[in-house]
Structures are given as C-alpha cells and as structure tokens.
C-alpha cells in the first residue's frame, strides 16, 4: 500500500469535522466591515480572479517567476496556465508540478472567495467576563459565500492540484455531520478552478459514519447523496476503515485518474491555506491599527490538523512570538490512538497533529519553501504550540448549559459558534482567562465556523450543481 493510502486509513479514525445546525441573526462590531449580510447569496461560480496571495507579501519569491529557488505558486484562475506539459511528482492532491523550462516546482492556487474577513472586537463586558482586556476575533465566516474561510482555504490549494493531476474520481471520508463532507462535495461541483466556471466536477464517493452523540441529520445526508455518485454509511469508524480499504482496492483497478482525500481535507499541501490565512490576518491587523504588535496567543479549534499547523507555520514564517493554543474536539480510545497515530499515550487529536506536522514540514523543506523550521519538533515546541485536550468534554458535539449561554450571548454580538469545535475553543479561552493566564496578553480567538445556511439555499445550490454536472 502506498504512503498516501496508508495515511487515509490512519486518518479515518479521526472521522472529519462536525457541523452544528445553529443559525442566529447577525449584528457586528467590526474593525473591518464586509458589507451587508442580508443580501442574496453570492453566485457559487463567481471566483475572485485577481486575488493576490497574501503570503507573497512576506515571501515574494513564491510568486516571482524569475526567482532562483523554492516553489512557484501560480494563480490558476487568473493566469490560466497551460500545464499539460508539466511533470507531476507525488500523488494527486498532494503533488508538485515541474515545468522542464523553469526547473522550479510549481503549485497551483485557485482563490475561491473574496478576502473580506472580519476582525471583531467584542464588548468590554465580555472581555471582563473572561479576564482578557485585549481580545480580537478573526472571524472566518460569511452568510453569503458558500465557499469561505476554513475549508475553502484548504480547497484553494487542494482542488486545483487535483485538477492539474487530471483526476476524474475522488473518494473522501468523514462524519455525516462533517464540514468537510458537505463543503468538499459542493466545491467539487461548483468551485471555479480555471476562471471560466470550470469546477473539478469529478465522480465522488463519500464514505461516512454517524458521529456518536450527534443527532441524525437526514436532510444533510439527502443533500450529500444528491451531490455524489455513491454514499457508504458505516455503523462505526472501524466499519468505515473496512469500506475505505475496499474502495482503495477497487480504485486501484480503475483506469481513470483517482484520488483519496483525507478526513477534513488535511494533508501537507493544505497547510498552505492557513499559512496564507495568517498572512491575511497580519495585513488586516496592520490596516486596522488595533495593535502595534503581534498577538501573544491565538486560540483555535483543532480537528484534522491542517488549520492549526498552517497557523503555526505562518507565525513561524512571520517571526511572531505567538503561541498557538489548539483545542481538541474529541479524544478516542487507546486502540484508536494506536491504529490512527501509532502514539497511544498521546491524546488522539494531538497525536494526529504531530503525525501530520512531520509530513508537512518534511514536504515543505523538500520544496525549499521559505521560512519553514528544519524539523517538526522545532515547530511544535511548547512555547509555540500548546495543545488543549481537556476542554472537549462532555463529548463530541455536546455542550454544557454554560456553553449554550455563551453561544447565545456571542451570537448577539455577531460571533456564531458551533457545538463541535468553536464553542470548545471558546471554553478553553474562557478557562485560561479565568485562571489569570490572559492578563496583559494580546489574544486572538480564531473562529473557524462557517455560518452559511446551506439548508436555506439547498435548492439553488443543487440547481447550480446539476448544471455543472451536465457539462
């Protein structure tokens, strides 16, 4: 079994990201506004073609075709690069491309959403409640854009990589309730990868399971069935692993180009999404003039791993003395830790992040990517990364009465959080604050919950998907 397939089986134990179906009216106290959220949803096929890569502000060689070393990241939507003669190295979705005439590895990037995130400042009463006077919220959420923020940032690198690889069939895994399963299924059908409205539009197999503790969501499952060729619903994660093994064997025999996308869309390539996000945040922070120094701490939800690793790599590249607090969404049994991570003594999500960090740092260094530490151990040192595997209780997707009260109060201030990930991260932030650990600190809460109401717009999205699938 090749390396990428082994990683899929290991990652299946993680399952994918959960999504709560909680919607609230929105008001905002923002440093940078994004326009009215009451207008109709943006067209899913509308791509911001001339988007610039924020990372290039801090590492200009990444977009300089005349640079001598390191990878070249090209905007595949704006530049419409003819890549047919390129040589692919690596598996689809985690590959690099070589142009014999240039001699540098090339990575395609397709901007999927306009860069207009909010930096929220919450009212002083909330800051007092959690014991943190200097708190900002990086809000990766939009009620208008179906592709936005956390997952979209991964797909901006992942989807064009699959497209350049000639992929025509994709399988991916996760919970029925996962952000990744729904967002990837829609992006596969609708996301513009070429500037001409051409999505990947591959045949899609979804290998899913019902997450323990989460209610059955028949509406979401029905939407997923309409967006894919095949849905396998396993009774547990071990059954899911068996289904995935069968899928791998079957796909190995097919003549079409195929790819297996890990849970959450997290691999070495997709960490670039949140390296770019930190660069976006740095530019927003500079423009807002909220602080005259980088944050001391960033609190972020931690699941399949590439978001927290992208933030870690991003602050390392920028030279910020910022500690990333990654808050786990769950833990698993000793056996699950052993099968998925080969590290049964380490909490499940921490072990997953550690494993992914080793692959990502090695991959980036092999490319000559600028500003990357020499080893994963250096990236994960305690002063830079603080994993919190305590505040996921009482369980995956389950919240306490105190969490629900916070959810409702924060929603009134324009910050929508979900029960699986972001409410757990907020609980961690509040616990640190009450202990006095955030006093005199500049703190960022990184909201990864995308609040777009897919159920409300399912008909228009499915119509667009049907039109795309007919092409």
Protein backbone atom coordinates (compact mmCIF):
# COMPACT_ATOMS: atom_id res chain seq x y z
CA UNK A 1 0.00 0.00 0.00
CA UNK A 2 1.48 3.38 -0.97
CA UNK A 3 2.09 6.20 1.51
CA UNK A 4 -0.97 8.32 0.70
CA UNK A 5 -3.35 5.34 1.02
CA UNK A 6 -1.85 4.37 4.36
CA UNK A 7 -2.41 7.92 5.60
CA UNK A 8 -6.06 7.71 4.55
CA UNK A 9 -6.61 4.60 6.66
CA UNK A 10 -4.82 6.18 9.60
CA UNK A 11 -6.83 9.35 9.23
CA UNK A 12 -10.19 7.58 9.04
CA UNK A 13 -10.06 7.11 12.78
CA UNK A 14 -10.33 10.90 13.08
CA UNK A 15 -13.57 10.91 11.11
CA UNK A 16 -13.70 14.55 9.97
CA UNK A 17 -15.10 17.81 11.21
CA UNK A 18 -18.53 18.21 12.75
CA UNK A 19 -21.01 20.98 11.98
CA UNK A 20 -23.83 22.20 14.18
CA UNK A 21 -27.03 23.37 12.52
CA UNK A 22 -27.33 26.53 14.61
CA UNK A 23 -28.24 29.83 12.95
CA UNK A 24 -28.71 33.25 14.53
CA UNK A 25 -29.45 36.78 13.40
CA UNK A 26 -26.25 38.74 12.96
CA UNK A 27 -25.01 42.09 14.16
CA UNK A 28 -21.43 43.26 14.05
CA UNK A 29 -18.87 45.29 15.90
CA UNK A 30 -16.01 45.17 13.48
CA UNK A 31 -12.69 46.80 12.73
CA UNK A 32 -13.04 45.97 9.05
CA UNK A 33 -16.53 45.59 7.60
CA UNK A 34 -17.59 43.21 4.86
CA UNK A 35 -20.89 44.69 3.71
CA UNK A 36 -24.47 43.76 4.44
CA UNK A 37 -25.04 40.09 5.19
CA UNK A 38 -28.75 40.36 4.36
CA UNK A 39 -28.24 40.43 0.60
CA UNK A 40 -28.78 37.28 -1.50
CA UNK A 41 -26.10 34.59 -1.52
CA UNK A 42 -23.23 35.18 -3.91
CA UNK A 43 -23.05 33.04 -7.02
CA UNK A 44 -21.13 29.83 -6.21
CA UNK A 45 -19.35 30.03 -9.57
CA UNK A 46 -18.17 33.59 -9.08
CA UNK A 47 -14.41 33.49 -8.48
CA UNK A 48 -12.31 36.49 -7.41
CA UNK A 49 -9.86 36.03 -10.26
CA UNK A 50 -7.34 38.76 -9.49
CA UNK A 51 -6.93 37.83 -5.85
CA UNK A 52 -3.31 38.15 -4.70
CA UNK A 53 -1.59 35.64 -2.46
CA UNK A 54 -1.09 37.30 0.93
CA UNK A 55 1.91 35.05 1.65
CA UNK A 56 3.75 36.76 -1.19
CA UNK A 57 3.87 39.96 0.87
CA UNK A 58 6.19 38.18 3.30
CA UNK A 59 7.85 35.70 0.91
CA UNK A 60 7.92 37.44 -2.53
CA UNK A 61 9.83 34.60 -4.24
CA UNK A 62 6.71 32.43 -4.02
CA UNK A 63 5.07 34.35 -6.89
CA UNK A 64 8.20 35.59 -8.67
CA UNK A 65 8.72 33.55 -11.86
CA UNK A 66 12.34 34.74 -12.02
CA UNK A 67 13.28 33.63 -8.51
CA UNK A 68 16.04 31.04 -8.45
CA UNK A 69 14.88 28.76 -5.64
CA UNK A 70 11.83 27.38 -3.90
CA UNK A 71 8.35 26.68 -5.26
CA UNK A 72 6.40 28.96 -7.56
CA UNK A 73 2.73 29.40 -6.60
CA UNK A 74 0.60 30.39 -9.59
CA UNK A 75 -2.92 31.76 -9.58
CA UNK A 76 -4.50 29.14 -11.82
CA UNK A 77 -7.73 31.14 -12.13
CA UNK A 78 -6.19 34.46 -13.20
CA UNK A 79 -3.16 33.25 -15.14
CA UNK A 80 -4.84 30.33 -16.94
CA UNK A 81 -1.56 28.43 -17.03
CA UNK A 82 -1.23 25.78 -19.74
CA UNK A 83 0.03 22.91 -17.58
CA UNK A 84 -0.37 19.98 -19.98
CA UNK A 85 3.37 19.61 -20.45
CA UNK A 86 4.19 19.67 -16.75
CA UNK A 87 5.59 16.61 -15.00
CA UNK A 88 3.70 15.61 -11.84
CA UNK A 89 5.61 14.38 -8.82
CA UNK A 90 3.62 12.84 -5.98
CA UNK A 91 0.03 11.75 -5.52
CA UNK A 92 -2.92 13.83 -6.80
CA UNK A 93 -3.96 16.34 -4.17
CA UNK A 94 -0.50 16.37 -2.61
CA UNK A 95 1.60 16.76 -5.77
CA UNK A 96 4.05 19.27 -7.19
CA UNK A 97 4.45 20.02 -10.88
CA UNK A 98 7.62 20.67 -12.83
CA UNK A 99 7.93 22.73 -15.97
CA UNK A 100 11.05 21.48 -17.78
CA UNK A 101 11.71 25.02 -18.99
CA UNK A 102 11.69 26.57 -15.50
CA UNK A 103 13.29 23.98 -13.27
CA UNK A 104 11.27 25.00 -10.20
CA UNK A 105 8.44 23.08 -8.56
CA UNK A 106 5.06 24.68 -9.24
CA UNK A 107 1.95 24.68 -7.07
CA UNK A 108 -1.41 25.84 -8.45
CA UNK A 109 -3.66 28.04 -6.30
CA UNK A 110 -7.27 28.93 -7.11
CA UNK A 111 -8.79 31.73 -4.99
CA UNK A 112 -12.36 30.70 -4.18
CA UNK A 113 -13.61 33.62 -2.09
CA UNK A 114 -13.03 37.37 -1.70
CA UNK A 115 -10.70 38.31 1.14
CA UNK A 116 -13.01 40.31 3.35
CA UNK A 117 -12.89 38.60 6.75
CA UNK A 118 -13.85 40.47 9.89
CA UNK A 119 -11.75 41.29 12.87
CA UNK A 120 -14.35 41.60 15.62
CA UNK A 121 -13.92 43.50 18.86
CA UNK A 122 -16.31 42.16 21.47
CA UNK A 123 -17.91 44.42 24.09
CA UNK A 124 -15.94 45.26 27.21
CA UNK A 125 -18.35 43.26 29.40
CA UNK A 126 -17.36 40.04 27.60
CA UNK A 127 -13.67 40.84 27.93
CA UNK A 128 -14.20 41.38 31.66
CA UNK A 129 -16.08 38.08 31.98
CA UNK A 130 -13.15 36.12 30.57
CA UNK A 131 -10.37 38.23 32.12
CA UNK A 132 -8.80 39.47 28.90
CA UNK A 133 -8.69 43.19 28.13
CA UNK A 134 -7.11 42.84 24.69
CA UNK A 135 -9.10 40.34 22.66
CA UNK A 136 -9.74 40.25 18.91
CA UNK A 137 -11.71 37.69 16.92
CA UNK A 138 -10.60 36.58 13.46
CA UNK A 139 -14.00 35.68 12.05
CA UNK A 140 -13.76 33.23 9.10
CA UNK A 141 -17.48 33.22 8.47
CA UNK A 142 -19.90 34.51 5.85
CA UNK A 143 -23.66 34.24 5.45
CA UNK A 144 -23.37 34.98 1.70
CA UNK A 145 -20.50 32.86 0.41
CA UNK A 146 -20.89 29.05 0.20
CA UNK A 147 -17.10 28.71 -0.11
CA UNK A 148 -15.39 30.75 2.57
CA UNK A 149 -12.86 30.56 5.35
CA UNK A 150 -11.57 27.41 6.98
CA UNK A 151 -12.41 24.66 4.45
CA UNK A 152 -12.24 26.92 1.40
CA UNK A 153 -8.65 27.87 2.25
CA UNK A 154 -7.66 24.21 2.08
CA UNK A 155 -9.53 23.64 -1.18
CA UNK A 156 -7.85 26.65 -2.80
CA UNK A 157 -4.71 24.51 -2.92
CA UNK A 158 -6.23 21.02 -2.94
CA UNK A 159 -8.78 21.34 -5.77
CA UNK A 160 -6.51 22.87 -8.44
CA UNK A 161 -3.91 20.24 -7.51
CA UNK A 162 -6.48 17.54 -8.28
CA UNK A 163 -7.50 19.34 -11.46
CA UNK A 164 -3.92 19.62 -12.76
CA UNK A 165 -3.45 15.94 -11.93
CA UNK A 166 -6.30 15.01 -14.25
CA UNK A 167 -8.43 13.49 -11.50
CA UNK A 168 -11.84 12.22 -12.56
CA UNK A 169 -12.83 10.26 -9.46
CA UNK A 170 -12.46 11.21 -5.81
CA UNK A 171 -13.27 9.49 -2.54
CA UNK A 172 -13.20 11.12 0.86
CA UNK A 173 -14.24 10.21 4.38
CA UNK A 174 -15.86 11.79 7.41
CA UNK A 175 -18.90 12.01 9.61
CA UNK A 176 -22.30 12.73 8.06
CA UNK A 177 -22.24 15.99 10.03
CA UNK A 178 -18.73 16.98 8.93
CA UNK A 179 -17.96 20.34 7.42
CA UNK A 180 -15.58 18.63 5.01
CA UNK A 181 -18.05 16.14 3.53
CA UNK A 182 -20.58 18.81 2.57
CA UNK A 183 -18.15 21.59 1.64
CA UNK A 184 -15.98 19.30 -0.48
CA UNK A 185 -18.99 17.81 -2.26
CA UNK A 186 -20.22 21.29 -3.19
CA UNK A 187 -16.77 22.59 -4.11
CA UNK A 188 -16.19 19.58 -6.36
CA UNK A 189 -19.34 20.51 -8.30
CA UNK A 190 -19.19 24.31 -8.21
CA UNK A 191 -15.81 25.84 -7.39
CA UNK A 192 -14.27 27.69 -10.34
CA UNK A 193 -10.72 26.40 -10.87
CA UNK A 194 -9.95 27.99 -14.22
CA UNK A 195 -11.61 31.40 -14.40
CA UNK A 196 -14.12 30.02 -16.91
CA UNK A 197 -16.54 28.47 -14.43
CA UNK A 198 -14.96 25.02 -14.73
CA UNK A 199 -15.06 23.03 -11.46
CA UNK A 200 -13.32 19.72 -10.79
CA UNK A 201 -16.73 18.00 -11.17
CA UNK A 202 -15.29 14.53 -10.61
CA UNK A 203 -17.23 11.44 -9.67
CA UNK A 204 -17.40 11.46 -5.89
CA UNK A 205 -17.65 8.65 -3.35
CA UNK A 206 -18.41 9.67 0.23
CA UNK A 207 -17.52 7.19 2.98
CA UNK A 208 -19.45 8.39 6.01
CA UNK A 209 -20.48 7.44 9.52
CA UNK A 210 -22.89 8.85 12.08
CA UNK A 211 -20.81 10.51 14.80
CA UNK A 212 -21.64 9.25 18.33
CA UNK A 213 -23.63 11.81 20.27
CA UNK A 214 -24.70 13.73 17.19
CA UNK A 215 -28.37 13.64 16.07
CA UNK A 216 -29.21 12.00 12.76
CA UNK A 217 -29.38 14.63 10.03
CA UNK A 218 -31.46 13.14 7.25
CA UNK A 219 -31.67 16.44 5.37
CA UNK A 220 -27.89 16.75 5.21
CA UNK A 221 -27.49 13.09 4.24
CA UNK A 222 -30.02 13.58 1.45
CA UNK A 223 -28.08 16.59 0.16
CA UNK A 224 -24.85 14.59 0.22
CA UNK A 225 -26.48 11.78 -1.76
CA UNK A 226 -27.57 14.25 -4.42
CA UNK A 227 -24.08 15.71 -4.70
CA UNK A 228 -22.21 12.42 -5.02
CA UNK A 229 -22.25 9.22 -7.05
CA UNK A 230 -22.07 6.93 -4.05
CA UNK A 231 -22.54 7.25 -0.29
CA UNK A 232 -21.42 4.49 2.05
CA UNK A 233 -22.80 4.90 5.56
CA UNK A 234 -20.82 2.83 8.07
CA UNK A 235 -22.05 1.99 11.54
CA UNK A 236 -18.73 2.91 13.20
CA UNK A 237 -15.20 4.06 12.40
CA UNK A 238 -13.84 0.51 12.13
CA UNK A 239 -16.53 -0.35 9.58
CA UNK A 240 -15.59 2.85 7.77
CA UNK A 241 -11.96 1.75 7.63
CA UNK A 242 -13.03 -1.53 6.04
CA UNK A 243 -15.15 0.28 3.45
CA UNK A 244 -12.24 2.59 2.67
CA UNK A 245 -9.90 -0.38 2.18
CA UNK A 246 -12.38 -1.87 -0.32
CA UNK A 247 -12.62 1.49 -2.07
CA UNK A 248 -8.85 1.70 -2.36
CA UNK A 249 -8.62 -1.76 -3.88
CA UNK A 250 -11.43 -1.03 -6.34
CA UNK A 251 -9.97 2.31 -7.38
CA UNK A 252 -6.58 0.74 -7.93
CA UNK A 253 -8.10 -1.30 -10.74
CA UNK A 254 -9.90 1.56 -12.49
CA UNK A 255 -8.25 3.23 -15.49
CA UNK A 256 -9.45 6.72 -14.52
CA UNK A 257 -7.27 9.12 -12.59
CA UNK A 258 -8.34 8.87 -8.96
CA UNK A 259 -7.60 10.48 -5.63
CA UNK A 260 -8.30 9.81 -1.98
CA UNK A 261 -8.78 12.99 0.04
CA UNK A 262 -8.03 12.67 3.78
CA UNK A 263 -10.54 13.47 6.53
CA UNK A 264 -11.04 17.21 6.86
CA UNK A 265 -9.13 17.77 3.62
CA UNK A 266 -5.95 17.93 5.71
CA UNK A 267 -2.62 16.97 4.18
CA UNK A 268 0.81 18.52 3.74
CA UNK A 269 -0.38 20.69 0.86
CA UNK A 270 -3.48 22.07 2.58
CA UNK A 271 -1.50 23.57 5.48
CA UNK A 272 -0.64 26.32 2.98
CA UNK A 273 -4.24 27.52 3.32
CA UNK A 274 -3.76 28.79 6.86
CA UNK A 275 -0.21 29.90 6.32
CA UNK A 276 -1.87 32.25 3.83
CA UNK A 277 -4.59 33.00 6.40
CA UNK A 278 -2.03 34.26 8.92
CA UNK A 279 -0.62 36.50 6.21
CA UNK A 280 -4.15 37.80 5.53
CA UNK A 281 -4.60 38.42 9.25
CA UNK A 282 -1.28 40.25 9.50
CA UNK A 283 -2.35 42.62 6.72
CA UNK A 284 -5.77 43.14 8.34
CA UNK A 285 -4.17 43.82 11.70
CA UNK A 286 -1.83 46.36 10.13
CA UNK A 287 -4.70 48.10 8.34
CA UNK A 288 -6.96 48.17 11.42
CA UNK A 289 -4.22 49.59 13.69
CA UNK A 290 -5.86 47.70 16.56
CA UNK A 291 -2.48 46.65 17.98
CA UNK A 292 1.07 47.75 17.36
CA UNK A 293 2.48 44.25 17.97
CA UNK A 294 1.60 40.66 17.06
CA UNK A 295 -0.72 38.60 19.26
CA UNK A 296 0.72 36.76 22.23
CA UNK A 297 -1.73 33.87 21.87
CA UNK A 298 -4.18 32.52 19.28
CA UNK A 299 -6.94 30.10 20.34
CA UNK A 300 -8.22 27.85 17.54
CA UNK A 301 -10.25 24.64 17.26
CA UNK A 302 -8.18 21.56 16.40
CA UNK A 303 -9.53 18.58 14.45
CA UNK A 304 -7.90 17.06 11.38
CA UNK A 305 -4.86 19.29 11.86
CA UNK A 306 -4.03 21.46 8.86
CA UNK A 307 -5.62 24.65 10.22
CA UNK A 308 -3.62 24.69 13.44
CA UNK A 309 -0.45 23.62 11.59
CA UNK A 310 -0.94 26.34 8.98
CA UNK A 311 -1.22 28.93 11.75
CA UNK A 312 1.89 27.54 13.44
CA UNK A 313 3.89 27.62 10.22
CA UNK A 314 2.55 31.07 9.40
CA UNK A 315 3.60 32.69 12.66
CA UNK A 316 6.98 30.97 12.33
CA UNK A 317 7.46 32.42 8.85
CA UNK A 318 6.42 35.91 10.06
CA UNK A 319 8.75 35.66 13.05
CA UNK A 320 5.94 36.31 15.53
CA UNK A 321 6.48 35.19 19.15
CA UNK A 322 2.89 33.91 19.18
CA UNK A 323 1.70 30.80 20.97
CA UNK A 324 -1.00 28.78 19.19
CA UNK A 325 -3.45 27.07 21.56
CA UNK A 326 -5.08 24.23 19.63
CA UNK A 327 -8.26 22.96 21.31
CA UNK A 328 -9.17 19.34 20.51
CA UNK A 329 -12.72 18.45 19.52
CA UNK A 330 -12.55 14.90 20.94
CA UNK A 331 -10.40 12.09 22.27
CA UNK A 332 -10.53 8.41 21.41
CA UNK A 333 -9.67 5.06 22.93
CA UNK A 334 -6.20 3.59 23.34
CA UNK A 335 -6.87 1.31 20.36
CA UNK A 336 -7.93 4.22 18.13
CA UNK A 337 -4.82 6.15 19.12
CA UNK A 338 -2.68 3.15 18.28
CA UNK A 339 -4.30 2.46 14.89
CA UNK A 340 -4.51 6.07 13.72
CA UNK A 341 -1.40 7.68 15.15
CA UNK A 342 0.88 4.91 16.43
CA UNK A 343 1.08 7.05 19.59
CA UNK A 344 -1.42 5.55 22.05
CA UNK A 345 -0.08 7.51 25.02
CA UNK A 346 -0.84 10.89 23.39
CA UNK A 347 -4.40 12.30 23.25
CA UNK A 348 -5.96 11.42 19.93
CA UNK A 349 -6.09 14.80 18.19
CA UNK A 350 -2.65 15.82 19.47
CA UNK A 351 -1.22 12.63 18.02
CA UNK A 352 -2.89 13.30 14.70
CA UNK A 353 -1.46 16.83 14.56
CA UNK A 354 2.02 15.58 15.48
CA UNK A 355 1.90 12.98 12.72
CA UNK A 356 0.71 15.49 10.13
CA UNK A 357 3.32 18.03 11.25
CA UNK A 358 6.13 15.58 10.50
CA UNK A 359 4.86 15.03 6.95
CA UNK A 360 4.12 18.70 6.27
CA UNK A 361 7.47 20.06 7.49
CA UNK A 362 9.40 17.41 5.55
CA UNK A 363 7.34 18.10 2.38
CA UNK A 364 7.79 21.87 2.60
CA UNK A 365 11.51 21.59 3.24
CA UNK A 366 11.90 19.25 0.28
CA UNK A 367 10.33 22.01 -1.86
CA UNK A 368 12.68 24.63 -0.49
CA UNK A 369 9.71 26.56 0.91
CA UNK A 370 10.97 29.73 2.66
CA UNK A 371 10.61 30.30 6.38
CA UNK A 372 9.97 26.69 7.40
CA UNK A 373 11.62 25.16 10.50
CA UNK A 374 14.12 22.39 10.00
CA UNK A 375 12.04 19.88 11.94
CA UNK A 376 8.53 19.29 13.24
CA UNK A 377 9.93 19.16 16.76
CA UNK A 378 11.06 22.76 16.41
CA UNK A 379 7.62 23.78 15.13
CA UNK A 380 5.80 22.01 17.99
CA UNK A 381 7.93 23.28 20.84
CA UNK A 382 5.81 24.19 23.87
CA UNK A 383 6.38 27.94 23.72
CA UNK A 384 4.92 27.89 20.18
CA UNK A 385 2.21 25.23 20.40
CA UNK A 386 0.02 24.43 23.39
CA UNK A 387 -2.44 21.60 22.71
CA UNK A 388 -5.54 21.59 24.91
CA UNK A 389 -7.07 18.12 25.06
CA UNK A 390 -9.11 18.81 28.20
CA UNK A 391 -11.93 21.13 27.16
CA UNK A 392 -13.58 18.89 24.55
CA UNK A 393 -15.72 17.25 27.26
CA UNK A 394 -18.55 16.35 27.79
CA UNK A 395 -18.22 14.79 24.33
CA UNK A 396 -18.04 15.24 20.58
CA UNK A 397 -20.65 17.84 19.62
CA UNK A 398 -22.06 18.01 23.18
CA UNK A 399 -22.15 21.24 25.16
CA UNK A 400 -22.96 22.32 28.69
CA UNK A 401 -25.53 24.89 29.82
CA UNK A 402 -22.69 27.39 30.28
CA UNK A 403 -21.58 26.81 26.68
CA UNK A 404 -25.13 27.38 25.46
CA UNK A 405 -25.30 30.65 27.37
CA UNK A 406 -22.03 31.78 25.79
CA UNK A 407 -23.31 30.70 22.36
CA UNK A 408 -26.41 32.86 22.69
CA UNK A 409 -24.60 35.88 24.10
CA UNK A 410 -21.85 35.81 21.48
CA UNK A 411 -24.37 35.34 18.67
CA UNK A 412 -25.94 38.63 19.70
CA UNK A 413 -22.56 40.25 19.03
CA UNK A 414 -22.13 38.74 15.57
CA UNK A 415 -19.98 35.77 16.58
CA UNK A 416 -21.65 32.45 15.67
CA UNK A 417 -20.09 29.33 17.18
CA UNK A 418 -20.84 25.63 16.70
CA UNK A 419 -21.01 22.88 19.35
CA UNK A 420 -18.38 20.57 17.86
CA UNK A 421 -15.38 22.84 17.50
CA UNK A 422 -15.57 26.55 18.15
CA UNK A 423 -17.59 26.50 21.38
CA UNK A 424 -14.96 24.11 22.79
CA UNK A 425 -12.22 26.55 21.74
CA UNK A 426 -14.12 29.40 23.40
CA UNK A 427 -14.48 27.31 26.56
CA UNK A 428 -10.70 26.90 26.60
CA UNK A 429 -10.19 30.63 26.12
CA UNK A 430 -12.59 31.42 28.97
CA UNK A 431 -10.88 28.90 31.27
CA UNK A 432 -7.45 30.38 30.56
CA UNK A 433 -8.84 33.85 31.20
CA UNK A 434 -10.47 32.95 34.50
CA UNK A 435 -7.18 31.49 35.69
CA UNK A 436 -5.44 34.83 35.05
CA UNK A 437 -3.30 33.45 32.23
CA UNK A 438 -4.55 36.07 29.72
CA UNK A 439 -3.96 39.14 31.84
CA UNK A 440 -2.00 41.79 29.86
CA UNK A 441 -1.91 39.45 26.82
CA UNK A 442 -2.91 40.28 23.26
CA UNK A 443 -5.23 37.37 22.42
CA UNK A 444 -6.91 36.28 19.19
CA UNK A 445 -9.84 33.89 19.02
CA UNK A 446 -9.81 32.31 15.54
CA UNK A 447 -13.37 31.41 14.57
CA UNK A 448 -13.40 28.58 12.01
CA UNK A 449 -17.19 28.06 11.98
CA UNK A 450 -18.67 28.97 8.60
CA UNK A 451 -22.25 30.12 9.19
CA UNK A 452 -23.59 29.93 5.64
CA UNK A 453 -27.07 28.37 5.79
CA UNK A 454 -26.77 25.51 3.28
CA UNK A 455 -30.24 24.21 4.11
CA UNK A 456 -31.87 27.53 3.19
CA UNK A 457 -30.11 27.69 -0.17
CA UNK A 458 -30.03 23.98 -1.00
CA UNK A 459 -32.34 24.33 -4.00
CA UNK A 460 -30.23 27.00 -5.74
CA UNK A 461 -27.01 25.16 -4.92
CA UNK A 462 -28.35 21.88 -6.27
CA UNK A 463 -29.58 23.62 -9.43
CA UNK A 464 -26.11 25.04 -9.98
CA UNK A 465 -24.58 21.64 -9.24
CA UNK A 466 -26.90 19.91 -11.74
CA UNK A 467 -25.96 22.42 -14.43
CA UNK A 468 -22.26 21.94 -13.67
CA UNK A 469 -22.55 18.15 -13.65
CA UNK A 470 -24.22 18.24 -17.07
CA UNK A 471 -21.20 20.00 -18.61
